[in-house]
N, C-alpha and C. Protein backbone atom coordinates (compact mmCIF):
# COMPACT_ATOMS: atom_id res chain seq x y z
N UNK A 1 9.41 22.52 1.50
CA UNK A 1 9.19 21.23 2.11
C UNK A 1 7.95 21.22 3.01
N UNK A 2 7.55 22.38 3.47
CA UNK A 2 6.33 22.46 4.29
C UNK A 2 5.13 21.97 3.48
N UNK A 3 5.09 22.31 2.19
CA UNK A 3 3.99 21.88 1.33
C UNK A 3 3.97 20.36 1.22
N UNK A 4 5.12 19.75 1.01
CA UNK A 4 5.17 18.29 0.89
C UNK A 4 4.70 17.64 2.18
N UNK A 5 5.18 18.12 3.31
CA UNK A 5 4.75 17.53 4.59
C UNK A 5 3.26 17.68 4.78
N UNK A 6 2.72 18.81 4.37
CA UNK A 6 1.28 19.04 4.51
C UNK A 6 0.49 18.13 3.58
N UNK A 7 1.00 17.92 2.35
CA UNK A 7 0.33 17.01 1.42
C UNK A 7 0.37 15.57 1.92
N UNK A 8 1.44 15.20 2.58
CA UNK A 8 1.56 13.84 3.13
C UNK A 8 0.51 13.58 4.20
N UNK A 9 0.07 14.64 4.87
CA UNK A 9 -0.97 14.50 5.89
C UNK A 9 -2.34 14.29 5.26
N UNK A 10 -2.47 14.64 4.00
CA UNK A 10 -3.73 14.49 3.30
C UNK A 10 -4.52 15.78 3.27
N UNK A 11 -5.41 15.87 2.30
CA UNK A 11 -6.28 17.03 2.15
C UNK A 11 -7.71 16.62 2.46
N UNK A 12 -8.43 17.52 3.07
CA UNK A 12 -9.84 17.27 3.32
C UNK A 12 -10.60 17.38 2.00
N UNK A 13 -11.70 16.65 1.89
CA UNK A 13 -12.54 16.76 0.71
C UNK A 13 -13.44 17.98 0.92
N UNK A 14 -13.12 19.04 0.18
CA UNK A 14 -13.90 20.29 0.25
C UNK A 14 -14.15 20.77 -1.17
N UNK A 15 -14.88 21.88 -1.30
CA UNK A 15 -15.11 22.45 -2.63
C UNK A 15 -13.83 22.99 -3.24
N UNK A 16 -12.86 23.38 -2.42
CA UNK A 16 -11.63 23.99 -2.91
C UNK A 16 -10.43 23.54 -2.06
N UNK A 17 -10.01 22.27 -2.17
CA UNK A 17 -8.94 21.78 -1.30
C UNK A 17 -7.62 22.54 -1.47
N UNK A 18 -7.26 22.91 -2.70
CA UNK A 18 -6.00 23.64 -2.90
C UNK A 18 -6.11 25.06 -2.36
N UNK A 19 -7.26 25.66 -2.49
CA UNK A 19 -7.48 26.98 -1.91
C UNK A 19 -7.41 26.95 -0.40
N UNK A 20 -8.03 25.92 0.19
CA UNK A 20 -7.97 25.76 1.64
C UNK A 20 -6.54 25.55 2.11
N UNK A 21 -5.79 24.76 1.37
CA UNK A 21 -4.38 24.51 1.72
C UNK A 21 -3.57 25.80 1.60
N UNK A 22 -3.82 26.56 0.55
CA UNK A 22 -3.10 27.83 0.36
C UNK A 22 -3.37 28.78 1.53
N UNK A 23 -4.62 28.89 1.94
CA UNK A 23 -4.95 29.76 3.07
C UNK A 23 -4.25 29.28 4.34
N UNK A 24 -4.22 27.97 4.54
CA UNK A 24 -3.56 27.41 5.72
C UNK A 24 -2.06 27.74 5.72
N UNK A 25 -1.44 27.68 4.54
CA UNK A 25 0.00 27.94 4.42
C UNK A 25 0.33 29.42 4.27
N UNK A 26 -0.69 30.24 4.08
CA UNK A 26 -0.48 31.68 3.95
C UNK A 26 0.08 32.09 2.60
N UNK A 27 -0.26 31.34 1.55
CA UNK A 27 0.18 31.69 0.20
C UNK A 27 -1.02 31.63 -0.74
N UNK A 28 -0.81 32.03 -2.01
CA UNK A 28 -1.90 32.02 -3.00
C UNK A 28 -2.12 30.61 -3.53
N UNK A 29 -3.37 30.35 -3.89
CA UNK A 29 -3.74 29.05 -4.45
C UNK A 29 -2.90 28.74 -5.69
N UNK A 30 -2.67 29.72 -6.54
CA UNK A 30 -1.88 29.53 -7.75
C UNK A 30 -0.46 29.09 -7.42
N UNK A 31 0.09 29.61 -6.31
CA UNK A 31 1.43 29.23 -5.88
C UNK A 31 1.45 27.76 -5.45
N UNK A 32 0.41 27.33 -4.75
CA UNK A 32 0.32 25.94 -4.32
C UNK A 32 0.31 25.03 -5.55
N UNK A 33 -0.54 25.34 -6.51
CA UNK A 33 -0.65 24.51 -7.71
C UNK A 33 0.65 24.51 -8.50
N UNK A 34 1.26 25.68 -8.65
CA UNK A 34 2.52 25.78 -9.39
C UNK A 34 3.63 24.98 -8.70
N UNK A 35 3.69 25.05 -7.38
CA UNK A 35 4.71 24.32 -6.63
C UNK A 35 4.48 22.81 -6.72
N UNK A 36 3.23 22.38 -6.65
CA UNK A 36 2.92 20.95 -6.80
C UNK A 36 3.34 20.48 -8.18
N UNK A 37 3.05 21.26 -9.21
CA UNK A 37 3.46 20.90 -10.57
C UNK A 37 4.98 20.79 -10.69
N UNK A 38 5.70 21.73 -10.06
CA UNK A 38 7.17 21.69 -10.09
C UNK A 38 7.69 20.43 -9.40
N UNK A 39 7.12 20.13 -8.24
CA UNK A 39 7.56 18.95 -7.50
C UNK A 39 7.27 17.66 -8.26
N UNK A 40 6.18 17.64 -9.00
CA UNK A 40 5.87 16.47 -9.84
C UNK A 40 6.86 16.40 -11.00
N UNK A 41 7.12 17.53 -11.66
CA UNK A 41 8.08 17.56 -12.77
C UNK A 41 9.46 17.10 -12.34
N UNK A 42 9.86 17.47 -11.12
CA UNK A 42 11.18 17.11 -10.61
C UNK A 42 11.19 15.73 -9.95
N UNK A 43 10.06 15.03 -10.03
CA UNK A 43 9.93 13.66 -9.50
C UNK A 43 10.05 13.58 -7.98
N UNK A 44 9.90 14.71 -7.30
CA UNK A 44 9.89 14.68 -5.83
C UNK A 44 8.55 14.17 -5.33
N UNK A 45 7.49 14.46 -6.08
CA UNK A 45 6.17 13.90 -5.82
C UNK A 45 5.91 12.92 -6.95
N UNK A 46 5.68 11.66 -6.60
CA UNK A 46 5.49 10.62 -7.60
C UNK A 46 4.02 10.41 -7.95
N UNK A 47 3.15 10.99 -7.16
CA UNK A 47 1.74 10.85 -7.43
C UNK A 47 0.93 11.28 -6.22
N UNK A 48 -0.34 11.43 -6.43
CA UNK A 48 -1.28 11.74 -5.35
C UNK A 48 -2.24 10.56 -5.29
N UNK A 49 -2.70 10.23 -4.10
CA UNK A 49 -3.58 9.08 -3.99
C UNK A 49 -4.79 9.41 -3.13
N UNK A 50 -5.76 8.55 -3.24
CA UNK A 50 -7.00 8.68 -2.50
C UNK A 50 -7.04 7.59 -1.45
N UNK A 51 -7.40 7.93 -0.24
CA UNK A 51 -7.62 6.93 0.79
C UNK A 51 -9.08 6.49 0.71
N UNK A 52 -9.28 5.20 0.67
CA UNK A 52 -10.63 4.68 0.54
C UNK A 52 -10.96 3.82 1.74
N UNK A 53 -12.24 3.64 1.98
CA UNK A 53 -12.70 2.72 3.01
C UNK A 53 -12.85 1.36 2.35
N UNK A 54 -11.88 0.48 2.59
CA UNK A 54 -11.86 -0.82 1.93
C UNK A 54 -13.10 -1.65 2.24
N UNK A 55 -13.60 -1.56 3.46
CA UNK A 55 -14.80 -2.32 3.81
C UNK A 55 -15.99 -1.90 2.97
N UNK A 56 -16.17 -0.59 2.77
CA UNK A 56 -17.28 -0.11 1.95
C UNK A 56 -17.13 -0.52 0.49
N UNK A 57 -15.88 -0.72 0.04
CA UNK A 57 -15.64 -1.18 -1.33
C UNK A 57 -15.78 -2.70 -1.45
N UNK A 58 -15.97 -3.37 -0.33
CA UNK A 58 -16.15 -4.81 -0.37
C UNK A 58 -14.91 -5.63 -0.08
N UNK A 59 -13.81 -4.99 0.31
CA UNK A 59 -12.58 -5.71 0.64
C UNK A 59 -12.55 -5.92 2.15
N UNK A 60 -13.00 -7.08 2.56
CA UNK A 60 -13.20 -7.36 3.99
C UNK A 60 -12.04 -8.14 4.61
N UNK A 61 -11.23 -8.80 3.80
CA UNK A 61 -10.16 -9.66 4.30
C UNK A 61 -8.83 -9.11 3.80
N UNK A 62 -7.91 -8.84 4.71
CA UNK A 62 -6.61 -8.28 4.35
C UNK A 62 -5.51 -9.12 4.96
N UNK A 63 -4.40 -9.24 4.23
CA UNK A 63 -3.27 -9.99 4.76
C UNK A 63 -1.98 -9.53 4.09
N UNK A 64 -0.92 -9.59 4.85
CA UNK A 64 0.42 -9.36 4.32
C UNK A 64 1.01 -10.74 4.07
N UNK A 65 1.45 -10.97 2.84
CA UNK A 65 2.04 -12.26 2.48
C UNK A 65 3.54 -12.06 2.32
N UNK A 66 4.32 -12.76 3.14
CA UNK A 66 5.78 -12.72 3.03
C UNK A 66 6.21 -13.96 2.24
N UNK A 67 7.10 -13.75 1.26
CA UNK A 67 7.53 -14.84 0.38
C UNK A 67 9.05 -14.90 0.30
N UNK A 68 9.56 -16.09 0.04
CA UNK A 68 11.00 -16.26 -0.16
C UNK A 68 11.21 -16.73 -1.59
N UNK A 69 11.90 -15.89 -2.38
CA UNK A 69 12.15 -16.21 -3.79
C UNK A 69 13.57 -15.80 -4.16
N UNK A 70 14.21 -16.64 -4.96
CA UNK A 70 15.52 -16.28 -5.51
C UNK A 70 15.33 -15.27 -6.63
N UNK A 71 14.46 -15.60 -7.56
CA UNK A 71 14.13 -14.72 -8.68
C UNK A 71 12.64 -14.43 -8.59
N UNK A 72 12.27 -13.28 -9.08
CA UNK A 72 10.86 -12.88 -8.98
C UNK A 72 10.28 -12.64 -10.36
N UNK A 73 9.20 -13.34 -10.66
CA UNK A 73 8.38 -13.02 -11.82
C UNK A 73 7.40 -11.96 -11.32
N UNK A 74 7.91 -10.76 -11.12
CA UNK A 74 7.19 -9.72 -10.38
C UNK A 74 5.90 -9.26 -11.06
N UNK A 75 5.80 -9.39 -12.38
CA UNK A 75 4.60 -8.93 -13.08
C UNK A 75 3.33 -9.58 -12.56
N UNK A 76 3.42 -10.86 -12.18
CA UNK A 76 2.21 -11.53 -11.68
C UNK A 76 1.72 -10.90 -10.38
N UNK A 77 2.63 -10.31 -9.62
CA UNK A 77 2.24 -9.64 -8.39
C UNK A 77 1.81 -8.21 -8.66
N UNK A 78 2.54 -7.53 -9.50
CA UNK A 78 2.24 -6.13 -9.80
C UNK A 78 0.88 -5.99 -10.48
N UNK A 79 0.52 -6.96 -11.32
CA UNK A 79 -0.75 -6.89 -12.05
C UNK A 79 -1.94 -7.43 -11.26
N UNK A 80 -1.70 -8.05 -10.12
CA UNK A 80 -2.78 -8.62 -9.32
C UNK A 80 -3.64 -7.50 -8.74
N UNK A 81 -4.93 -7.52 -9.06
CA UNK A 81 -5.85 -6.46 -8.64
C UNK A 81 -6.02 -6.36 -7.13
N UNK A 82 -5.71 -7.42 -6.41
CA UNK A 82 -5.91 -7.42 -4.96
C UNK A 82 -4.68 -6.99 -4.18
N UNK A 83 -3.56 -6.78 -4.86
CA UNK A 83 -2.33 -6.38 -4.19
C UNK A 83 -2.17 -4.87 -4.28
N UNK A 84 -2.12 -4.22 -3.11
CA UNK A 84 -1.95 -2.76 -3.09
C UNK A 84 -0.48 -2.38 -2.98
N UNK A 85 0.34 -3.21 -2.34
CA UNK A 85 1.76 -2.94 -2.15
C UNK A 85 2.53 -4.23 -2.43
N UNK A 86 3.66 -4.09 -3.12
CA UNK A 86 4.52 -5.24 -3.38
C UNK A 86 5.95 -4.74 -3.32
N UNK A 87 6.75 -5.32 -2.45
CA UNK A 87 8.10 -4.80 -2.30
C UNK A 87 9.07 -5.90 -1.89
N UNK A 88 10.36 -5.58 -2.05
CA UNK A 88 11.44 -6.49 -1.71
C UNK A 88 12.23 -5.91 -0.55
N UNK A 89 12.63 -6.79 0.37
CA UNK A 89 13.47 -6.40 1.51
C UNK A 89 14.56 -7.44 1.69
N UNK A 90 15.60 -7.07 2.41
CA UNK A 90 16.62 -8.05 2.77
C UNK A 90 16.02 -9.01 3.79
N UNK A 91 16.24 -10.30 3.59
CA UNK A 91 15.73 -11.26 4.58
C UNK A 91 16.51 -11.16 5.88
N UNK A 92 15.88 -11.54 6.95
CA UNK A 92 16.48 -11.56 8.28
C UNK A 92 16.75 -13.02 8.63
N UNK A 93 17.78 -13.28 9.43
CA UNK A 93 18.09 -14.68 9.78
C UNK A 93 16.92 -15.35 10.51
N UNK A 94 16.13 -14.58 11.24
CA UNK A 94 14.99 -15.15 11.96
C UNK A 94 13.69 -15.11 11.16
N UNK A 95 13.70 -14.40 10.04
CA UNK A 95 12.52 -14.29 9.18
C UNK A 95 13.02 -14.20 7.75
N UNK A 96 13.24 -15.35 7.09
CA UNK A 96 13.99 -15.39 5.83
C UNK A 96 13.20 -15.02 4.57
N UNK A 97 12.24 -14.16 4.68
CA UNK A 97 11.42 -13.80 3.52
C UNK A 97 11.93 -12.49 2.93
N UNK A 98 11.86 -12.39 1.60
CA UNK A 98 12.42 -11.20 0.94
C UNK A 98 11.44 -10.45 0.05
N UNK A 99 10.26 -10.99 -0.22
CA UNK A 99 9.24 -10.29 -0.99
C UNK A 99 7.96 -10.24 -0.17
N UNK A 100 7.25 -9.12 -0.28
CA UNK A 100 6.03 -8.92 0.51
C UNK A 100 4.92 -8.37 -0.37
N UNK A 101 3.72 -8.90 -0.20
CA UNK A 101 2.56 -8.42 -0.94
C UNK A 101 1.43 -8.16 0.07
N UNK A 102 0.81 -6.99 -0.04
CA UNK A 102 -0.34 -6.66 0.80
C UNK A 102 -1.60 -6.92 0.00
N UNK A 103 -2.38 -7.91 0.45
CA UNK A 103 -3.61 -8.29 -0.24
C UNK A 103 -4.83 -7.69 0.45
N UNK A 104 -5.75 -7.19 -0.36
CA UNK A 104 -7.05 -6.70 0.11
C UNK A 104 -8.09 -7.46 -0.70
N UNK A 105 -8.81 -8.36 -0.04
CA UNK A 105 -9.68 -9.30 -0.73
C UNK A 105 -11.14 -9.17 -0.31
N UNK A 106 -12.05 -9.55 -1.22
CA UNK A 106 -13.46 -9.52 -0.85
C UNK A 106 -13.85 -10.64 0.10
N UNK A 107 -13.09 -11.75 0.09
CA UNK A 107 -13.42 -12.87 0.95
C UNK A 107 -12.18 -13.72 1.22
N UNK A 108 -12.34 -14.69 2.09
CA UNK A 108 -11.24 -15.57 2.49
C UNK A 108 -10.71 -16.39 1.31
N UNK A 109 -11.58 -16.72 0.37
CA UNK A 109 -11.20 -17.54 -0.77
C UNK A 109 -10.08 -16.91 -1.59
N UNK A 110 -10.09 -15.61 -1.70
CA UNK A 110 -9.06 -14.87 -2.44
C UNK A 110 -7.68 -15.15 -1.88
N UNK A 111 -7.54 -15.13 -0.57
CA UNK A 111 -6.24 -15.39 0.06
C UNK A 111 -5.86 -16.86 -0.12
N UNK A 112 -6.83 -17.75 -0.02
CA UNK A 112 -6.55 -19.17 -0.22
C UNK A 112 -6.06 -19.43 -1.64
N UNK A 113 -6.70 -18.81 -2.63
CA UNK A 113 -6.29 -18.97 -4.03
C UNK A 113 -4.88 -18.43 -4.25
N UNK A 114 -4.58 -17.29 -3.64
CA UNK A 114 -3.25 -16.71 -3.76
C UNK A 114 -2.21 -17.66 -3.18
N UNK A 115 -2.50 -18.22 -2.02
CA UNK A 115 -1.59 -19.15 -1.37
C UNK A 115 -1.40 -20.41 -2.21
N UNK A 116 -2.47 -20.92 -2.79
CA UNK A 116 -2.37 -22.11 -3.65
C UNK A 116 -1.51 -21.84 -4.88
N UNK A 117 -1.64 -20.65 -5.45
CA UNK A 117 -0.81 -20.27 -6.60
C UNK A 117 0.67 -20.23 -6.21
N UNK A 118 0.96 -19.70 -5.02
CA UNK A 118 2.35 -19.68 -4.54
C UNK A 118 2.86 -21.11 -4.32
N UNK A 119 2.01 -21.97 -3.77
CA UNK A 119 2.41 -23.36 -3.56
C UNK A 119 2.71 -24.06 -4.88
N UNK A 120 1.88 -23.82 -5.91
CA UNK A 120 2.12 -24.40 -7.24
C UNK A 120 3.47 -23.97 -7.79
N UNK A 121 3.89 -22.76 -7.46
CA UNK A 121 5.17 -22.23 -7.94
C UNK A 121 6.32 -22.54 -6.98
N UNK A 122 6.03 -23.36 -5.94
CA UNK A 122 7.03 -23.74 -4.93
C UNK A 122 7.66 -22.51 -4.26
N UNK A 123 6.82 -21.55 -3.93
CA UNK A 123 7.28 -20.33 -3.26
C UNK A 123 6.93 -20.43 -1.78
N UNK A 124 7.93 -20.59 -0.91
CA UNK A 124 7.65 -20.59 0.53
C UNK A 124 7.06 -19.24 0.94
N UNK A 125 6.07 -19.27 1.80
CA UNK A 125 5.42 -18.03 2.21
C UNK A 125 4.74 -18.16 3.56
N UNK A 126 4.45 -17.01 4.13
CA UNK A 126 3.71 -16.95 5.38
C UNK A 126 2.60 -15.90 5.19
N UNK A 127 1.43 -16.22 5.70
CA UNK A 127 0.27 -15.33 5.60
C UNK A 127 0.06 -14.67 6.95
N UNK A 128 0.07 -13.35 6.97
CA UNK A 128 -0.14 -12.60 8.22
C UNK A 128 -1.42 -11.78 8.05
N UNK A 129 -2.46 -12.22 8.68
CA UNK A 129 -3.78 -11.59 8.52
C UNK A 129 -3.88 -10.30 9.34
N UNK A 130 -4.54 -9.33 8.75
CA UNK A 130 -4.77 -8.07 9.45
C UNK A 130 -5.84 -8.29 10.51
N UNK A 131 -5.58 -7.82 11.71
CA UNK A 131 -6.60 -7.90 12.75
C UNK A 131 -7.16 -6.52 13.08
N UNK A 132 -6.41 -5.47 12.77
CA UNK A 132 -6.91 -4.13 13.04
C UNK A 132 -6.10 -3.11 12.24
N UNK A 133 -6.77 -2.20 11.58
CA UNK A 133 -6.12 -1.14 10.81
C UNK A 133 -5.85 0.02 11.77
N UNK A 134 -4.59 0.37 11.96
CA UNK A 134 -4.23 1.41 12.91
C UNK A 134 -3.86 2.74 12.27
N UNK A 135 -3.69 2.78 10.94
CA UNK A 135 -3.32 4.04 10.30
C UNK A 135 -3.80 4.06 8.86
N UNK A 136 -4.68 4.99 8.54
CA UNK A 136 -5.10 5.22 7.16
C UNK A 136 -5.40 3.94 6.43
N UNK A 137 -4.89 3.85 5.20
CA UNK A 137 -5.13 2.65 4.43
C UNK A 137 -4.11 1.57 4.70
N UNK A 138 -3.03 1.89 5.41
CA UNK A 138 -2.00 0.91 5.73
C UNK A 138 -2.48 -0.01 6.83
N UNK A 139 -2.48 -1.27 6.59
CA UNK A 139 -2.90 -2.24 7.60
C UNK A 139 -1.66 -2.71 8.32
N UNK A 140 -1.39 -2.15 9.49
CA UNK A 140 -0.10 -2.31 10.14
C UNK A 140 -0.03 -3.40 11.19
N UNK A 141 -1.14 -3.96 11.61
CA UNK A 141 -1.08 -4.94 12.68
C UNK A 141 -1.43 -6.31 12.11
N UNK A 142 -0.50 -7.22 12.21
CA UNK A 142 -0.68 -8.57 11.69
C UNK A 142 -0.29 -9.54 12.79
N UNK A 143 -1.12 -10.54 13.05
CA UNK A 143 -0.72 -11.44 14.11
C UNK A 143 -0.86 -12.91 13.75
N UNK A 144 -1.80 -13.27 12.95
CA UNK A 144 -2.05 -14.68 12.66
C UNK A 144 -1.15 -15.10 11.51
N UNK A 145 -0.28 -16.10 11.74
CA UNK A 145 0.68 -16.54 10.73
C UNK A 145 0.31 -17.94 10.24
N UNK A 146 0.22 -18.10 8.93
CA UNK A 146 0.08 -19.42 8.30
C UNK A 146 1.33 -19.64 7.47
N UNK A 147 2.23 -20.51 7.91
CA UNK A 147 3.48 -20.75 7.16
C UNK A 147 3.24 -21.83 6.11
N UNK A 148 3.71 -21.56 4.90
CA UNK A 148 3.58 -22.50 3.79
C UNK A 148 4.96 -22.68 3.17
N UNK A 149 5.43 -23.89 3.11
CA UNK A 149 6.69 -24.16 2.41
C UNK A 149 7.91 -24.11 3.28
């Protein structure tokens, strides 16, 4: 489990990241690779990802969209190129939304178009714009709310 926790922290971009990790953990590089392969085979690790600088990629506007839906045509959200995360939660009595999409857009128009599409489908939603990224690629601070529906 030490390996998993270390992988969750991320690896530095070096000439030999697995070798560097092996030295840090006090084991052989081959053992690190073999253990990662085992964890992937056993579905304990579902994938590895790259953290990117969204601003440098041109994604300047970010928002978490909370939606209230009885049934979900989820493919339209899953296939949307601007959505990095899409998930369902139990609604709260004070915040009755049950589906959430994290949008990373090149401009404000992208969020407006997304909101208009939700309105066409009669999906009540609230737009919570990111004001500051506090951890990695996760945009955790949202303050501005636009309620629709």
